[in-house]
C-alpha cells in the first residue's frame, strides 16, 4: 500500500494532449530531457498540436 505520491524528482517530464475536429482525433506526446524545462516541453506539445490542427483544417477545407 502506498503512503503518498510517487517520487518524481529527477524523472523526465512527460506531456500529452489530444484534440478532435471533423471526426478526426490528433494526439501529441513528448518526453523531456536533461536541460529542458517542463514549460518548454508543454509549449512544444501545444505548438505541435496546433500545427496539426491547422493542417487538418486546411486539408478538410480543400476537400469541401
PDB file of N, CA and C in Angstrom:
ATOM      1  N   UNK A   1       0.835  -1.174   0.000  1.00  0.00           N
ATOM      2  CA  UNK A   1       0.000   0.000   0.000  1.00  0.00           C
ATOM      3  C   UNK A   1       0.883   1.240   0.000  1.00  0.00           C
ATOM      4  N   UNK A   2       0.549   2.195  -0.873  1.00  0.00           N
ATOM      5  CA  UNK A   2       1.305   3.432  -0.965  1.00  0.00           C
ATOM      6  C   UNK A   2       0.866   4.397   0.122  1.00  0.00           C
ATOM      7  N   UNK A   3       1.841   5.099   0.713  1.00  0.00           N
ATOM      8  CA  UNK A   3       1.515   6.058   1.762  1.00  0.00           C
ATOM      9  C   UNK A   3       1.576   7.497   1.263  1.00  0.00           C
ATOM     10  N   UNK A   4       1.887   7.698   0.002  1.00  0.00           N
ATOM     11  CA  UNK A   4       1.973   9.049  -0.530  1.00  0.00           C
ATOM     12  C   UNK A   4       2.231   9.016  -2.016  1.00  0.00           C
ATOM     13  N   UNK A   5       2.369  10.177  -2.618  1.00  0.00           N
ATOM     14  CA  UNK A   5       2.617  10.225  -4.064  1.00  0.00           C
ATOM     15  C   UNK A   5       3.989   9.676  -4.405  1.00  0.00           C
ATOM     16  N   UNK A   6       4.154   9.187  -5.635  1.00  0.00           N
ATOM     17  CA  UNK A   6       5.466   8.664  -6.034  1.00  0.00           C
ATOM     18  C   UNK A   6       6.492   9.787  -6.081  1.00  0.00           C
ATOM     19  N   UNK A   7       7.742   9.438  -5.989  1.00  0.00           N
ATOM     20  CA  UNK A   7       8.827  10.402  -6.055  1.00  0.00           C
ATOM     21  C   UNK A   7       9.195  10.619  -7.515  1.00  0.00           C
ATOM     22  N   UNK A   8       8.766  11.754  -8.077  1.00  0.00           N
ATOM     23  CA  UNK A   8       9.032  12.053  -9.484  1.00  0.00           C
ATOM     24  C   UNK A   8      10.291  12.886  -9.673  1.00  0.00           C
ATOM     25  N   UNK A   9      10.935  13.260  -8.597  1.00  0.00           N
ATOM     26  CA  UNK A   9      12.129  14.111  -8.686  1.00  0.00           C
ATOM     27  C   UNK A   9      13.189  13.451  -9.554  1.00  0.00           C
ATOM     28  N   UNK A  10      13.724  14.216 -10.492  1.00  0.00           N
ATOM     29  CA  UNK A  10      14.784  13.699 -11.346  1.00  0.00           C
ATOM     30  C   UNK A  10      14.301  12.939 -12.568  1.00  0.00           C
ATOM     31  N   UNK A  11      13.018  12.715 -12.665  1.00  0.00           N
ATOM     32  CA  UNK A  11      12.488  11.989 -13.838  1.00  0.00           C
ATOM     33  C   UNK A  11      12.104  12.978 -14.924  1.00  0.00           C
ATOM     34  N   UNK A  12      12.219  12.579 -16.208  1.00  0.00           N
ATOM     35  CA  UNK A  12      11.839  13.479 -17.299  1.00  0.00           C
ATOM     36  C   UNK A  12      10.343  13.795 -17.265  1.00  0.00           C
ATOM     37  N   UNK A  13      10.024  15.002 -17.639  1.00  0.00           N
ATOM     38  CA  UNK A  13       8.633  15.434 -17.723  1.00  0.00           C
ATOM     39  C   UNK A  13       7.998  14.843 -18.977  1.00  0.00           C
ATOM     40  N   UNK A  14       6.786  14.351 -18.848  1.00  0.00           N
ATOM     41  CA  UNK A  14       6.022  13.847 -19.988  1.00  0.00           C
ATOM     42  C   UNK A  14       4.821  14.763 -20.200  1.00  0.00           C
ATOM     43  N   UNK A  15       4.516  15.036 -21.455  1.00  0.00           N
ATOM     44  CA  UNK A  15       3.360  15.863 -21.779  1.00  0.00           C
ATOM     45  C   UNK A  15       2.584  15.182 -22.900  1.00  0.00           C
ATOM     46  N   UNK A  16       1.250  15.229 -22.802  1.00  0.00           N
ATOM     47  CA  UNK A  16       0.405  14.578 -23.794  1.00  0.00           C
ATOM     48  C   UNK A  16      -0.861  15.400 -23.957  1.00  0.00           C
ATOM     49  N   UNK A  17      -1.271  15.606 -25.201  1.00  0.00           N
ATOM     50  CA  UNK A  17      -2.520  16.309 -25.484  1.00  0.00           C
ATOM     51  C   UNK A  17      -3.257  15.597 -26.603  1.00  0.00           C
ATOM     52  N   UNK A  18      -4.568  15.702 -26.557  1.00  0.00           N
ATOM     53  CA  UNK A  18      -5.413  15.097 -27.587  1.00  0.00           C
ATOM     54  C   UNK A  18      -6.510  16.092 -27.935  1.00  0.00           C
ATOM     55  N   UNK A  19      -6.867  16.152 -29.213  1.00  0.00           N
ATOM     56  CA  UNK A  19      -7.957  17.026 -29.663  1.00  0.00           C
ATOM     57  C   UNK A  19      -8.709  16.320 -30.782  1.00  0.00           C
ATOM     58  N   UNK A  20      -9.940  16.747 -30.988  1.00  0.00           N
ATOM     59  CA  UNK A  20     -10.755  16.148 -32.039  1.00  0.00           C
ATOM     60  C   UNK A  20     -11.463  17.239 -32.825  1.00  0.00           C
ATOM     61  N   UNK A  21     -11.440  17.109 -34.138  1.00  0.00           N
ATOM     62  CA  UNK A  21     -12.173  18.004 -35.015  1.00  0.00           C
ATOM     63  C   UNK A  21     -12.504  17.244 -36.297  1.00  0.00           C
ATOM     64  N   UNK A  22     -13.630  17.536 -36.891  1.00  0.00           N
ATOM     65  CA  UNK A  22     -14.043  16.865 -38.136  1.00  0.00           C
ATOM     66  C   UNK A  22     -13.959  15.347 -38.023  1.00  0.00           C
ATOM     67  N   UNK A  23     -14.342  14.809 -36.909  1.00  0.00           N
ATOM     68  CA  UNK A  23     -14.335  13.351 -36.685  1.00  0.00           C
ATOM     69  C   UNK A  23     -12.934  12.755 -36.767  1.00  0.00           C
ATOM     70  N   UNK A  24     -11.922  13.568 -36.614  1.00  0.00           N
ATOM     71  CA  UNK A  24     -10.534  13.107 -36.617  1.00  0.00           C
ATOM     72  C   UNK A  24      -9.924  13.456 -35.269  1.00  0.00           C
ATOM     73  N   UNK A  25      -9.224  12.505 -34.674  1.00  0.00           N
ATOM     74  CA  UNK A  25      -8.538  12.745 -33.411  1.00  0.00           C
ATOM     75  C   UNK A  25      -7.045  12.867 -33.668  1.00  0.00           C
ATOM     76  N   UNK A  26      -6.448  13.893 -33.090  1.00  0.00           N
ATOM     77  CA  UNK A  26      -4.999  14.059 -33.177  1.00  0.00           C
ATOM     78  C   UNK A  26      -4.447  14.032 -31.758  1.00  0.00           C
ATOM     79  N   UNK A  27      -3.269  13.466 -31.614  1.00  0.00           N
ATOM     80  CA  UNK A  27      -2.628  13.393 -30.302  1.00  0.00           C
ATOM     81  C   UNK A  27      -1.138  13.669 -30.461  1.00  0.00           C
ATOM     82  N   UNK A  28      -0.587  14.313 -29.455  1.00  0.00           N
ATOM     83  CA  UNK A  28       0.841  14.635 -29.439  1.00  0.00           C
ATOM     84  C   UNK A  28       1.372  14.259 -28.069  1.00  0.00           C
ATOM     85  N   UNK A  29       2.537  13.639 -28.046  1.00  0.00           N
ATOM     86  CA  UNK A  29       3.178  13.353 -26.772  1.00  0.00           C
ATOM     87  C   UNK A  29       4.657  13.705 -26.866  1.00  0.00           C
ATOM     88  N   UNK A  30       5.229  14.024 -25.720  1.00  0.00           N
ATOM     89  CA  UNK A  30       6.646  14.370 -25.675  1.00  0.00           C
ATOM     90  C   UNK A  30       7.223  13.958 -24.330  1.00  0.00           C
ATOM     91  N   UNK A  31       8.480  13.642 -24.351  1.00  0.00           N
ATOM     92  CA  UNK A  31       9.211  13.300 -23.134  1.00  0.00           C
ATOM     93  C   UNK A  31      10.375  14.268 -23.014  1.00  0.00           C
ATOM     94  N   UNK A  32      10.472  14.897 -21.876  1.00  0.00           N
ATOM     95  CA  UNK A  32      11.538  15.861 -21.649  1.00  0.00           C
ATOM     96  C   UNK A  32      12.906  15.201 -21.562  1.00  0.00           C
ATOM     97  N   UNK A  33      13.912  16.040 -21.596  1.00  0.00           N
ATOM     98  CA  UNK A  33      15.291  15.578 -21.492  1.00  0.00           C
ATOM     99  C   UNK A  33      16.055  16.546 -20.600  1.00  0.00           C
ATOM    100  N   UNK A  34      17.195  16.112 -20.154  1.00  0.00           N
ATOM    101  CA  UNK A  34      18.029  16.953 -19.307  1.00  0.00           C
ATOM    102  C   UNK A  34      18.286  18.290 -20.002  1.00  0.00           C
ATOM    103  N   UNK A  35      18.133  19.358 -19.255  1.00  0.00           N
ATOM    104  CA  UNK A  35      18.348  20.685 -19.813  1.00  0.00           C
ATOM    105  C   UNK A  35      17.095  21.346 -20.348  1.00  0.00           C
ATOM    106  N   UNK A  36      15.986  20.622 -20.399  1.00  0.00           N
ATOM    107  CA  UNK A  36      14.715  21.179 -20.872  1.00  0.00           C
ATOM    108  C   UNK A  36      13.773  21.343 -19.688  1.00  0.00           C
ATOM    109  N   UNK A  37      13.058  22.458 -19.659  1.00  0.00           N
ATOM    110  CA  UNK A  37      12.113  22.682 -18.568  1.00  0.00           C
ATOM    111  C   UNK A  37      10.762  22.058 -18.906  1.00  0.00           C
ATOM    112  N   UNK A  38       9.976  21.845 -17.866  1.00  0.00           N
ATOM    113  CA  UNK A  38       8.620  21.323 -18.071  1.00  0.00           C
ATOM    114  C   UNK A  38       7.828  22.273 -18.968  1.00  0.00           C
ATOM    115  N   UNK A  39       8.020  23.571 -18.766  1.00  0.00           N
ATOM    116  CA  UNK A  39       7.297  24.565 -19.548  1.00  0.00           C
ATOM    117  C   UNK A  39       7.683  24.499 -21.027  1.00  0.00           C
ATOM    118  N   UNK A  40       8.963  24.247 -21.319  1.00  0.00           N
ATOM    119  CA  UNK A  40       9.403  24.110 -22.721  1.00  0.00           C
ATOM    120  C   UNK A  40       8.716  22.922 -23.383  1.00  0.00           C
ATOM    121  N   UNK A  41       8.678  21.801 -22.686  1.00  0.00           N
ATOM    122  CA  UNK A  41       8.065  20.583 -23.240  1.00  0.00           C
ATOM    123  C   UNK A  41       6.578  20.817 -23.480  1.00  0.00           C
ATOM    124  N   UNK A  42       5.895  21.397 -22.498  1.00  0.00           N
ATOM    125  CA  UNK A  42       4.465  21.668 -22.658  1.00  0.00           C
ATOM    126  C   UNK A  42       4.207  22.616 -23.832  1.00  0.00           C
ATOM    127  N   UNK A  43       5.041  23.648 -23.965  1.00  0.00           N
ATOM    128  CA  UNK A  43       4.873  24.608 -25.068  1.00  0.00           C
ATOM    129  C   UNK A  43       5.090  23.938 -26.420  1.00  0.00           C
ATOM    130  N   UNK A  44       6.077  23.063 -26.510  1.00  0.00           N
ATOM    131  CA  UNK A  44       6.332  22.363 -27.769  1.00  0.00           C
ATOM    132  C   UNK A  44       5.177  21.444 -28.146  1.00  0.00           C
ATOM    133  N   UNK A  45       4.601  20.766 -27.169  1.00  0.00           N
ATOM    134  CA  UNK A  45       3.452  19.896 -27.428  1.00  0.00           C
ATOM    135  C   UNK A  45       2.264  20.734 -27.907  1.00  0.00           C
ATOM    136  N   UNK A  46       2.013  21.850 -27.256  1.00  0.00           N
ATOM    137  CA  UNK A  46       0.919  22.725 -27.656  1.00  0.00           C
ATOM    138  C   UNK A  46       1.130  23.251 -29.070  1.00  0.00           C
ATOM    139  N   UNK A  47       2.354  23.667 -29.381  1.00  0.00           N
ATOM    140  CA  UNK A  47       2.675  24.172 -30.719  1.00  0.00           C
ATOM    141  C   UNK A  47       2.494  23.086 -31.783  1.00  0.00           C
ATOM    142  N   UNK A  48       2.946  21.878 -31.493  1.00  0.00           N
ATOM    143  CA  UNK A  48       2.823  20.778 -32.452  1.00  0.00           C
ATOM    144  C   UNK A  48       1.351  20.430 -32.696  1.00  0.00           C
ATOM    145  N   UNK A  49       0.565  20.396 -31.630  1.00  0.00           N
ATOM    146  CA  UNK A  49      -0.843  20.070 -31.804  1.00  0.00           C
ATOM    147  C   UNK A  49      -1.556  21.157 -32.604  1.00  0.00           C
ATOM    148  N   UNK A  50      -1.259  22.404 -32.326  1.00  0.00           N
ATOM    149  CA  UNK A  50      -1.868  23.499 -33.081  1.00  0.00           C
ATOM    150  C   UNK A  50      -1.524  23.389 -34.564  1.00  0.00           C
ATOM    151  N   UNK A  51      -0.273  23.076 -34.884  1.00  0.00           N
ATOM    152  CA  UNK A  51       0.141  22.929 -36.280  1.00  0.00           C
ATOM    153  C   UNK A  51      -0.614  21.780 -36.953  1.00  0.00           C
ATOM    154  N   UNK A  52      -0.788  20.677 -36.235  1.00  0.00           N
ATOM    155  CA  UNK A  52      -1.523  19.547 -36.797  1.00  0.00           C
ATOM    156  C   UNK A  52      -2.978  19.920 -37.070  1.00  0.00           C
ATOM    157  N   UNK A  53      -3.596  20.651 -36.154  1.00  0.00           N
ATOM    158  CA  UNK A  53      -4.995  21.044 -36.336  1.00  0.00           C
ATOM    159  C   UNK A  53      -5.151  22.019 -37.497  1.00  0.00           C
ATOM    160  N   UNK A  54      -4.215  22.934 -37.665  1.00  0.00           N
ATOM    161  CA  UNK A  54      -4.269  23.868 -38.798  1.00  0.00           C
ATOM    162  C   UNK A  54      -4.152  23.098 -40.109  1.00  0.00           C
ATOM    163  N   UNK A  55      -3.224  22.147 -40.174  1.00  0.00           N
ATOM    164  CA  UNK A  55      -3.077  21.335 -41.394  1.00  0.00           C
ATOM    165  C   UNK A  55      -4.339  20.532 -41.676  1.00  0.00           C
ATOM    166  N   UNK A  56      -4.936  19.990 -40.636  1.00  0.00           N
ATOM    167  CA  UNK A  56      -6.167  19.217 -40.813  1.00  0.00           C
ATOM    168  C   UNK A  56      -7.291  20.120 -41.313  1.00  0.00           C
ATOM    169  N   UNK A  57      -7.459  21.287 -40.717  1.00  0.00           N
ATOM    170  CA  UNK A  57      -8.490  22.228 -41.161  1.00  0.00           C
ATOM    171  C   UNK A  57      -8.271  22.632 -42.617  1.00  0.00           C
ATOM    172  N   UNK A  58      -7.032  22.855 -42.996  1.00  0.00           N
ATOM    173  CA  UNK A  58      -6.703  23.226 -44.383  1.00  0.00           C
ATOM    174  C   UNK A  58      -7.054  22.084 -45.339  1.00  0.00           C
ATOM    175  N   UNK A  59      -6.683  20.869 -44.966  1.00  0.00           N
ATOM    176  CA  UNK A  59      -6.959  19.705 -45.816  1.00  0.00           C
ATOM    177  C   UNK A  59      -8.457  19.469 -45.959  1.00  0.00           C
ATOM    178  N   UNK A  60      -9.187  19.579 -44.878  1.00  0.00           N
ATOM    179  CA  UNK A  60     -10.640  19.371 -44.929  1.00  0.00           C
ATOM    180  C   UNK A  60     -11.292  20.477 -45.743  1.00  0.00           C
ATOM    181  N   UNK A  61     -10.808  21.707 -45.599  1.00  0.00           N
ATOM    182  CA  UNK A  61     -11.350  22.832 -46.344  1.00  0.00           C
ATOM    183  C   UNK A  61     -11.158  22.676 -47.843  1.00  0.00           C
ATOM    184  N   UNK A  62     -10.035  22.106 -48.250  1.00  0.00           N
ATOM    185  CA  UNK A  62      -9.768  21.901 -49.679  1.00  0.00           C
ATOM    186  C   UNK A  62     -10.675  20.840 -50.277  1.00  0.00           C
ATOM    187  N   UNK A  63     -11.121  19.909 -49.454  1.00  0.00           N
ATOM    188  CA  UNK A  63     -11.953  18.818 -49.940  1.00  0.00           C
ATOM    189  C   UNK A  63     -13.430  19.206 -49.971  1.00  0.00           C
ATOM    190  N   UNK A  64     -13.744  20.333 -49.357  1.00  0.00           N
ATOM    191  CA  UNK A  64     -15.116  20.813 -49.404  1.00  0.00           C
ATOM    192  C   UNK A  64     -15.879  20.396 -48.248  1.00  0.00           C
TER     193      UNK A  64
END
